Amino acid sequence: MDEFWIYGLFIVGGFLLGGAFTTYKSNKLVSGILGALGLLAAVGGILQLV
C-alpha cells in the first residue's frame, strides 16, 4: 500500500507542475500555487522513500 502512495504523490506532483507550466503565461499567481503544491507532493514522495 505504501508504494501506491509514493507513486500517487509523484503522479500528482507531475500533474500539478505541468499545470503550473501551462498557466504561467496567463496567471502567475495560480502558476505559483500549483508549482508549490507540486513541489510539496514531490517532496512528500521522496520522504516516503526515505
C-alpha atoms as a PDB file:
ATOM      1  CA  MET A   1       0.000   0.000   0.000  1.00  0.00           C
ATOM      2  CA  ASP A   2       2.944   2.317   0.640  1.00  0.00           C
ATOM      3  CA  GLU A   3       4.049   2.026  -2.979  1.00  0.00           C
ATOM      4  CA  PHE A   4       0.619   3.267  -4.056  1.00  0.00           C
ATOM      5  CA  TRP A   5       1.012   6.458  -2.030  1.00  0.00           C
ATOM      6  CA  ILE A   6       4.552   7.046  -3.275  1.00  0.00           C
ATOM      7  CA  TYR A   7       3.564   6.648  -6.934  1.00  0.00           C
ATOM      8  CA  GLY A   8       0.428   8.697  -6.309  1.00  0.00           C
ATOM      9  CA  LEU A   9       2.378  11.599  -4.840  1.00  0.00           C
ATOM     10  CA  PHE A  10       4.807  11.646  -7.758  1.00  0.00           C
ATOM     11  CA  ILE A  11       1.960  11.472 -10.296  1.00  0.00           C
ATOM     12  CA  VAL A  12       0.029  14.278  -8.578  1.00  0.00           C
ATOM     13  CA  GLY A  13       3.218  16.337  -8.366  1.00  0.00           C
ATOM     14  CA  GLY A  14       3.819  15.858 -12.080  1.00  0.00           C
ATOM     15  CA  PHE A  15       0.275  16.892 -12.980  1.00  0.00           C
ATOM     16  CA  LEU A  16       0.489  19.965 -10.763  1.00  0.00           C
ATOM     17  CA  LEU A  17       3.837  21.044 -12.172  1.00  0.00           C
ATOM     18  CA  GLY A  18       2.530  20.512 -15.698  1.00  0.00           C
ATOM     19  CA  GLY A  19      -0.475  22.680 -14.879  1.00  0.00           C
ATOM     20  CA  ALA A  20       1.808  25.320 -13.393  1.00  0.00           C
ATOM     21  CA  PHE A  21       3.864  25.393 -16.579  1.00  0.00           C
ATOM     22  CA  THR A  22       0.718  25.675 -18.712  1.00  0.00           C
ATOM     23  CA  THR A  23      -0.834  28.546 -16.717  1.00  0.00           C
ATOM     24  CA  TYR A  24       2.421  30.503 -16.310  1.00  0.00           C
ATOM     25  CA  LYS A  25       1.742  32.973 -19.139  1.00  0.00           C
ATOM     26  CA  SER A  26      -1.885  33.652 -18.254  1.00  0.00           C
ATOM     27  CA  ASN A  27      -1.866  33.767 -14.447  1.00  0.00           C
ATOM     28  CA  LYS A  28       1.374  33.805 -12.489  1.00  0.00           C
ATOM     29  CA  LEU A  29      -0.323  33.582  -9.066  1.00  0.00           C
ATOM     30  CA  VAL A  30      -2.154  30.359  -9.897  1.00  0.00           C
ATOM     31  CA  SER A  31       1.012  29.049 -11.532  1.00  0.00           C
ATOM     32  CA  GLY A  32       2.969  29.724  -8.341  1.00  0.00           C
ATOM     33  CA  ILE A  33       0.364  27.995  -6.192  1.00  0.00           C
ATOM     34  CA  LEU A  34       0.293  24.929  -8.467  1.00  0.00           C
ATOM     35  CA  GLY A  35       4.082  24.856  -8.534  1.00  0.00           C
ATOM     36  CA  ALA A  36       4.297  24.991  -4.746  1.00  0.00           C
ATOM     37  CA  LEU A  37       1.733  22.201  -4.360  1.00  0.00           C
ATOM     38  CA  GLY A  38       3.559  20.102  -6.946  1.00  0.00           C
ATOM     39  CA  LEU A  39       6.836  20.624  -5.154  1.00  0.00           C
ATOM     40  CA  LEU A  40       5.276  19.625  -1.835  1.00  0.00           C
ATOM     41  CA  ALA A  41       3.822  16.472  -3.404  1.00  0.00           C
ATOM     42  CA  ALA A  42       7.210  15.543  -4.862  1.00  0.00           C
ATOM     43  CA  VAL A  43       8.944  16.153  -1.526  1.00  0.00           C
ATOM     44  CA  GLY A  44       6.289  14.032   0.184  1.00  0.00           C
ATOM     45  CA  GLY A  45       7.023  11.208  -2.232  1.00  0.00           C
ATOM     46  CA  ILE A  46      10.749  11.496  -1.573  1.00  0.00           C
ATOM     47  CA  LEU A  47      10.191  11.480   2.185  1.00  0.00           C
ATOM     48  CA  GLN A  48       8.048   8.337   1.874  1.00  0.00           C
ATOM     49  CA  LEU A  49      11.006   6.631   0.188  1.00  0.00           C
ATOM     50  CA  VAL A  50      13.392   7.580   2.995  1.00  0.00           C
END
